[in-house]
Amino acid sequence: MLDVLNRYYGVVTPIVHFHGGTIDNFRGDGIMVMFGAPEPHAAPCEGAFRAARGILAALEELNRTQVAGYEVSLSVAIGLAYGEAVFGDLGSVDRKDFTALGDAVNVAARLQDLAKSLGFPVLMTAAFAASLSPATRAEGAPEDLGDAPIKGHSSVAIAGWPPSGRTDRAAVE
């Protein structure tokens, strides 16, 4: 299993970096990424969405070519949220991690969990979706899903991608 996850992270990491993301941490089979921290990003939502699409396309290829021999098929659920966050070193004198804390971080994590049950590989807040450029939206706009209950939070208006019925995820990248 470690080999499969390392192959996955080996494919995902350059995609995240190409789109201007900073990897906060790998946590089991999950990854937390920040766009706009610690380095400014001119269009953090655009970068995050393009990275998510790139990850989905790369995952299809990875499943086809590298992990087929392991008799597993990897899938992902991605949560995207935009908002204020505090970032910096957190920990003790003996051990510190650079991380981000804030409502947007928590909402993104909850959306990742919710994506699994709703059947969308990518869920985002409606505010995040609205911030995407017209050019990006023309390539495949997120589908408005209305308000969703978020554990430990008030309901949040969300959108899912790819839109229902769309199966050519890799074609839009």
C-alpha atoms as a PDB file:
ATOM      1  CA  MET A   1       0.000   0.000   0.000  1.00  0.00           C
ATOM      2  CA  LEU A   2       2.863   2.400   0.729  1.00  0.00           C
ATOM      3  CA  ASP A   3       4.208   1.882  -2.780  1.00  0.00           C
ATOM      4  CA  VAL A   4       0.805   2.701  -4.310  1.00  0.00           C
ATOM      5  CA  LEU A   5       0.429   5.864  -2.207  1.00  0.00           C
ATOM      6  CA  ASN A   6       3.977   6.970  -2.996  1.00  0.00           C
ATOM      7  CA  ARG A   7       3.272   6.519  -6.711  1.00  0.00           C
ATOM      8  CA  TYR A   8       0.087   8.568  -6.311  1.00  0.00           C
ATOM      9  CA  TYR A   9       1.880  11.367  -4.448  1.00  0.00           C
ATOM     10  CA  GLY A  10       4.671  11.243  -7.012  1.00  0.00           C
ATOM     11  CA  VAL A  11       2.117  11.995  -9.735  1.00  0.00           C
ATOM     12  CA  VAL A  12       0.071  14.546  -7.764  1.00  0.00           C
ATOM     13  CA  THR A  13       2.900  16.650  -6.345  1.00  0.00           C
ATOM     14  CA  PRO A  14       4.136  18.114  -9.654  1.00  0.00           C
ATOM     15  CA  ILE A  15       0.543  18.929 -10.672  1.00  0.00           C
ATOM     16  CA  VAL A  16      -0.032  20.828  -7.437  1.00  0.00           C
ATOM     17  CA  HIS A  17       3.253  22.705  -7.798  1.00  0.00           C
ATOM     18  CA  PHE A  18       2.634  23.504 -11.482  1.00  0.00           C
ATOM     19  CA  HIS A  19      -0.619  25.249 -10.530  1.00  0.00           C
ATOM     20  CA  GLY A  20       0.968  27.207  -7.683  1.00  0.00           C
ATOM     21  CA  GLY A  21      -0.052  25.094  -4.710  1.00  0.00           C
ATOM     22  CA  THR A  22       1.910  24.440  -1.538  1.00  0.00           C
ATOM     23  CA  ILE A  23       1.558  20.983  -0.007  1.00  0.00           C
ATOM     24  CA  ASP A  24       0.817  21.315   3.680  1.00  0.00           C
ATOM     25  CA  ASN A  25       0.926  17.610   4.446  1.00  0.00           C
ATOM     26  CA  PHE A  26       0.299  14.060   3.361  1.00  0.00           C
ATOM     27  CA  ARG A  27      -2.001  12.357   5.820  1.00  0.00           C
ATOM     28  CA  GLY A  28      -2.500   8.691   5.060  1.00  0.00           C
ATOM     29  CA  ASP A  29      -4.206   8.703   1.689  1.00  0.00           C
ATOM     30  CA  GLY A  30      -5.064  12.409   1.932  1.00  0.00           C
ATOM     31  CA  ILE A  31      -3.238  15.570   1.010  1.00  0.00           C
ATOM     32  CA  MET A  32      -3.791  19.137   2.197  1.00  0.00           C
ATOM     33  CA  VAL A  33      -2.788  21.861  -0.241  1.00  0.00           C
ATOM     34  CA  MET A  34      -2.831  25.648   0.072  1.00  0.00           C
ATOM     35  CA  PHE A  35      -3.036  28.113  -2.801  1.00  0.00           C
ATOM     36  CA  GLY A  36      -1.977  31.625  -1.876  1.00  0.00           C
ATOM     37  CA  ALA A  37       0.041  30.705   1.184  1.00  0.00           C
ATOM     38  CA  PRO A  38       2.839  31.043   2.009  1.00  0.00           C
ATOM     39  CA  GLU A  39       3.454  32.545  -1.443  1.00  0.00           C
ATOM     40  CA  PRO A  40       0.841  34.887  -2.933  1.00  0.00           C
ATOM     41  CA  HIS A  41      -1.157  33.498  -5.841  1.00  0.00           C
ATOM     42  CA  ALA A  42      -2.863  35.840  -8.318  1.00  0.00           C
ATOM     43  CA  ALA A  43      -5.824  33.464  -8.761  1.00  0.00           C
ATOM     44  CA  PRO A  44      -5.834  30.858  -5.978  1.00  0.00           C
ATOM     45  CA  CYS A  45      -9.254  29.386  -6.817  1.00  0.00           C
ATOM     46  CA  GLU A  46      -8.309  29.087 -10.476  1.00  0.00           C
ATOM     47  CA  GLY A  47      -5.055  27.323  -9.551  1.00  0.00           C
ATOM     48  CA  ALA A  48      -6.765  24.969  -7.110  1.00  0.00           C
ATOM     49  CA  PHE A  49      -9.505  24.039  -9.582  1.00  0.00           C
ATOM     50  CA  ARG A  50      -7.049  23.431 -12.411  1.00  0.00           C
ATOM     51  CA  ALA A  51      -4.922  21.303 -10.070  1.00  0.00           C
ATOM     52  CA  ALA A  52      -8.003  19.277  -9.074  1.00  0.00           C
ATOM     53  CA  ARG A  53      -8.840  18.623 -12.720  1.00  0.00           C
ATOM     54  CA  GLY A  54      -5.235  17.684 -13.422  1.00  0.00           C
ATOM     55  CA  ILE A  55      -5.212  15.277 -10.494  1.00  0.00           C
ATOM     56  CA  LEU A  56      -8.353  13.546 -11.763  1.00  0.00           C
ATOM     57  CA  ALA A  57      -6.888  13.155 -15.250  1.00  0.00           C
ATOM     58  CA  ALA A  58      -3.575  11.892 -13.880  1.00  0.00           C
ATOM     59  CA  LEU A  59      -5.339   9.459 -11.562  1.00  0.00           C
ATOM     60  CA  GLU A  60      -7.103   7.807 -14.495  1.00  0.00           C
ATOM     61  CA  GLU A  61      -3.726   7.313 -16.191  1.00  0.00           C
ATOM     62  CA  LEU A  62      -2.110   6.121 -12.950  1.00  0.00           C
ATOM     63  CA  ASN A  63      -4.832   3.522 -12.442  1.00  0.00           C
ATOM     64  CA  ARG A  64      -4.422   2.333 -16.022  1.00  0.00           C
ATOM     65  CA  THR A  65      -0.630   2.088 -16.062  1.00  0.00           C
ATOM     66  CA  GLN A  66       0.950   1.892 -12.615  1.00  0.00           C
ATOM     67  CA  VAL A  67      -1.375   0.436 -10.017  1.00  0.00           C
ATOM     68  CA  ALA A  68      -3.241  -2.136 -12.101  1.00  0.00           C
ATOM     69  CA  GLY A  69      -0.812  -4.838 -10.979  1.00  0.00           C
ATOM     70  CA  TYR A  70      -1.733  -4.174  -7.344  1.00  0.00           C
ATOM     71  CA  GLU A  71      -5.366  -5.121  -7.971  1.00  0.00           C
ATOM     72  CA  VAL A  72      -6.536  -1.768  -6.627  1.00  0.00           C
ATOM     73  CA  SER A  73      -8.080   1.251  -8.228  1.00  0.00           C
ATOM     74  CA  LEU A  74      -7.458   4.631  -6.653  1.00  0.00           C
ATOM     75  CA  SER A  75     -10.156   7.272  -6.446  1.00  0.00           C
ATOM     76  CA  VAL A  76     -10.118  10.712  -4.902  1.00  0.00           C
ATOM     77  CA  ALA A  77     -12.507  13.143  -3.297  1.00  0.00           C
ATOM     78  CA  ILE A  78     -11.433  16.789  -3.387  1.00  0.00           C
ATOM     79  CA  GLY A  79     -12.899  19.612  -1.299  1.00  0.00           C
ATOM     80  CA  LEU A  80     -12.244  23.216  -2.339  1.00  0.00           C
ATOM     81  CA  ALA A  81     -13.000  26.313  -0.279  1.00  0.00           C
ATOM     82  CA  TYR A  82     -11.744  29.870  -0.336  1.00  0.00           C
ATOM     83  CA  GLY A  83     -11.397  32.197   2.615  1.00  0.00           C
ATOM     84  CA  GLU A  84      -9.242  33.697   5.283  1.00  0.00           C
ATOM     85  CA  ALA A  85      -6.822  31.399   7.064  1.00  0.00           C
ATOM     86  CA  VAL A  86      -3.965  31.739   9.482  1.00  0.00           C
ATOM     87  CA  PHE A  87      -0.831  29.944   8.423  1.00  0.00           C
ATOM     88  CA  GLY A  88       2.525  29.377  10.025  1.00  0.00           C
ATOM     89  CA  ASP A  89       4.478  27.052  12.257  1.00  0.00           C
ATOM     90  CA  LEU A  90       2.372  25.137  14.761  1.00  0.00           C
ATOM     91  CA  GLY A  91       3.650  22.763  17.392  1.00  0.00           C
ATOM     92  CA  SER A  92       6.129  22.632  20.221  1.00  0.00           C
ATOM     93  CA  VAL A  93       9.783  23.410  20.701  1.00  0.00           C
ATOM     94  CA  ASP A  94      10.568  19.792  19.773  1.00  0.00           C
ATOM     95  CA  ARG A  95       8.352  19.474  16.687  1.00  0.00           C
ATOM     96  CA  LYS A  96       6.651  21.986  14.431  1.00  0.00           C
ATOM     97  CA  ASP A  97       4.685  21.822  11.212  1.00  0.00           C
ATOM     98  CA  PHE A  98       3.855  24.597   8.796  1.00  0.00           C
ATOM     99  CA  THR A  99       0.067  24.531   8.414  1.00  0.00           C
ATOM    100  CA  ALA A 100      -3.083  26.564   7.882  1.00  0.00           C
ATOM    101  CA  LEU A 101      -6.005  26.987  10.259  1.00  0.00           C
ATOM    102  CA  GLY A 102      -9.367  28.583   9.623  1.00  0.00           C
ATOM    103  CA  ASP A 103     -12.944  28.161   8.513  1.00  0.00           C
ATOM    104  CA  ALA A 104     -12.020  27.617   4.848  1.00  0.00           C
ATOM    105  CA  VAL A 105      -9.639  24.809   5.829  1.00  0.00           C
ATOM    106  CA  ASN A 106     -12.342  23.098   7.887  1.00  0.00           C
ATOM    107  CA  VAL A 107     -15.006  23.522   5.201  1.00  0.00           C
ATOM    108  CA  ALA A 108     -12.694  22.101   2.506  1.00  0.00           C
ATOM    109  CA  ALA A 109     -12.053  19.026   4.671  1.00  0.00           C
ATOM    110  CA  ARG A 110     -15.785  18.522   5.264  1.00  0.00           C
ATOM    111  CA  LEU A 111     -16.499  18.928   1.542  1.00  0.00           C
ATOM    112  CA  GLN A 112     -13.928  16.246   0.807  1.00  0.00           C
ATOM    113  CA  ASP A 113     -15.850  13.876   3.073  1.00  0.00           C
ATOM    114  CA  LEU A 114     -19.198  14.906   1.561  1.00  0.00           C
ATOM    115  CA  ALA A 115     -17.936  14.430  -2.005  1.00  0.00           C
ATOM    116  CA  LYS A 116     -17.670  10.706  -1.425  1.00  0.00           C
ATOM    117  CA  SER A 117     -21.365  10.364  -0.550  1.00  0.00           C
ATOM    118  CA  LEU A 118     -22.621  12.739  -3.268  1.00  0.00           C
ATOM    119  CA  GLY A 119     -20.700  11.019  -6.052  1.00  0.00           C
ATOM    120  CA  PHE A 120     -18.749  14.047  -7.253  1.00  0.00           C
ATOM    121  CA  PRO A 121     -14.958  13.764  -7.227  1.00  0.00           C
ATOM    122  CA  VAL A 122     -14.724  17.524  -6.602  1.00  0.00           C
ATOM    123  CA  LEU A 123     -16.969  19.582  -4.330  1.00  0.00           C
ATOM    124  CA  MET A 124     -16.477  23.294  -3.715  1.00  0.00           C
ATOM    125  CA  THR A 125     -18.272  26.124  -2.043  1.00  0.00           C
ATOM    126  CA  ALA A 126     -20.522  28.098  -4.381  1.00  0.00           C
ATOM    127  CA  ALA A 127     -18.405  31.172  -3.613  1.00  0.00           C
ATOM    128  CA  PHE A 128     -15.321  29.284  -4.808  1.00  0.00           C
ATOM    129  CA  ALA A 129     -17.149  28.217  -7.999  1.00  0.00           C
ATOM    130  CA  ALA A 130     -18.337  31.783  -8.647  1.00  0.00           C
ATOM    131  CA  SER A 131     -14.752  33.040  -8.509  1.00  0.00           C
ATOM    132  CA  LEU A 132     -13.667  30.882 -11.468  1.00  0.00           C
ATOM    133  CA  SER A 133     -12.947  32.748 -14.684  1.00  0.00           C
ATOM    134  CA  PRO A 134     -15.415  32.667 -17.580  1.00  0.00           C
ATOM    135  CA  ALA A 135     -12.816  30.770 -19.641  1.00  0.00           C
ATOM    136  CA  THR A 136     -12.544  28.051 -16.986  1.00  0.00           C
ATOM    137  CA  ARG A 137     -16.310  27.877 -16.566  1.00  0.00           C
ATOM    138  CA  ALA A 138     -16.686  27.506 -20.346  1.00  0.00           C
ATOM    139  CA  GLU A 139     -14.519  24.367 -20.191  1.00  0.00           C
ATOM    140  CA  GLY A 140     -16.943  22.748 -17.757  1.00  0.00           C
ATOM    141  CA  ALA A 141     -18.702  24.812 -15.123  1.00  0.00           C
ATOM    142  CA  PRO A 142     -19.300  23.269 -11.719  1.00  0.00           C
ATOM    143  CA  GLU A 143     -22.896  22.157 -11.110  1.00  0.00           C
ATOM    144  CA  ASP A 144     -24.833  24.105  -8.470  1.00  0.00           C
ATOM    145  CA  LEU A 145     -25.985  21.651  -5.796  1.00  0.00           C
ATOM    146  CA  GLY A 146     -27.698  24.071  -3.399  1.00  0.00           C
ATOM    147  CA  ASP A 147     -27.131  24.200   0.341  1.00  0.00           C
ATOM    148  CA  ALA A 148     -25.543  21.240   2.089  1.00  0.00           C
ATOM    149  CA  PRO A 149     -25.287  20.522   5.798  1.00  0.00           C
ATOM    150  CA  ILE A 150     -21.677  20.597   6.942  1.00  0.00           C
ATOM    151  CA  LYS A 151     -20.726  18.747  10.123  1.00  0.00           C
ATOM    152  CA  GLY A 152     -19.857  21.249  12.873  1.00  0.00           C
ATOM    153  CA  HIS A 153     -20.775  24.214  10.626  1.00  0.00           C
ATOM    154  CA  SER A 154     -23.806  25.985   9.238  1.00  0.00           C
ATOM    155  CA  SER A 155     -25.079  24.850   5.837  1.00  0.00           C
ATOM    156  CA  VAL A 156     -22.946  25.912   2.880  1.00  0.00           C
ATOM    157  CA  ALA A 157     -23.970  26.465  -0.743  1.00  0.00           C
ATOM    158  CA  ILE A 158     -21.931  24.002  -2.808  1.00  0.00           C
ATOM    159  CA  ALA A 159     -21.156  23.006  -6.378  1.00  0.00           C
ATOM    160  CA  GLY A 160     -19.849  19.735  -7.803  1.00  0.00           C
ATOM    161  CA  TRP A 161     -17.554  18.891 -10.679  1.00  0.00           C
ATOM    162  CA  PRO A 162     -17.667  17.381 -13.182  1.00  0.00           C
ATOM    163  CA  PRO A 163     -21.320  18.205 -13.951  1.00  0.00           C
ATOM    164  CA  SER A 164     -23.695  15.245 -13.745  1.00  0.00           C
ATOM    165  CA  GLY A 165     -23.524  12.852 -16.630  1.00  0.00           C
ATOM    166  CA  ARG A 166     -20.115  14.050 -17.749  1.00  0.00           C
ATOM    167  CA  THR A 167     -17.641  11.235 -18.142  1.00  0.00           C
ATOM    168  CA  ASP A 168     -14.850  12.864 -20.129  1.00  0.00           C
ATOM    169  CA  ARG A 169     -13.055  14.451 -17.188  1.00  0.00           C
ATOM    170  CA  ALA A 170      -9.631  14.041 -18.720  1.00  0.00           C
ATOM    171  CA  ALA A 171     -10.726  15.683 -21.967  1.00  0.00           C
ATOM    172  CA  VAL A 172     -11.146  19.116 -20.381  1.00  0.00           C
ATOM    173  CA  GLU A 173      -7.638  19.366 -18.992  1.00  0.00           C
END
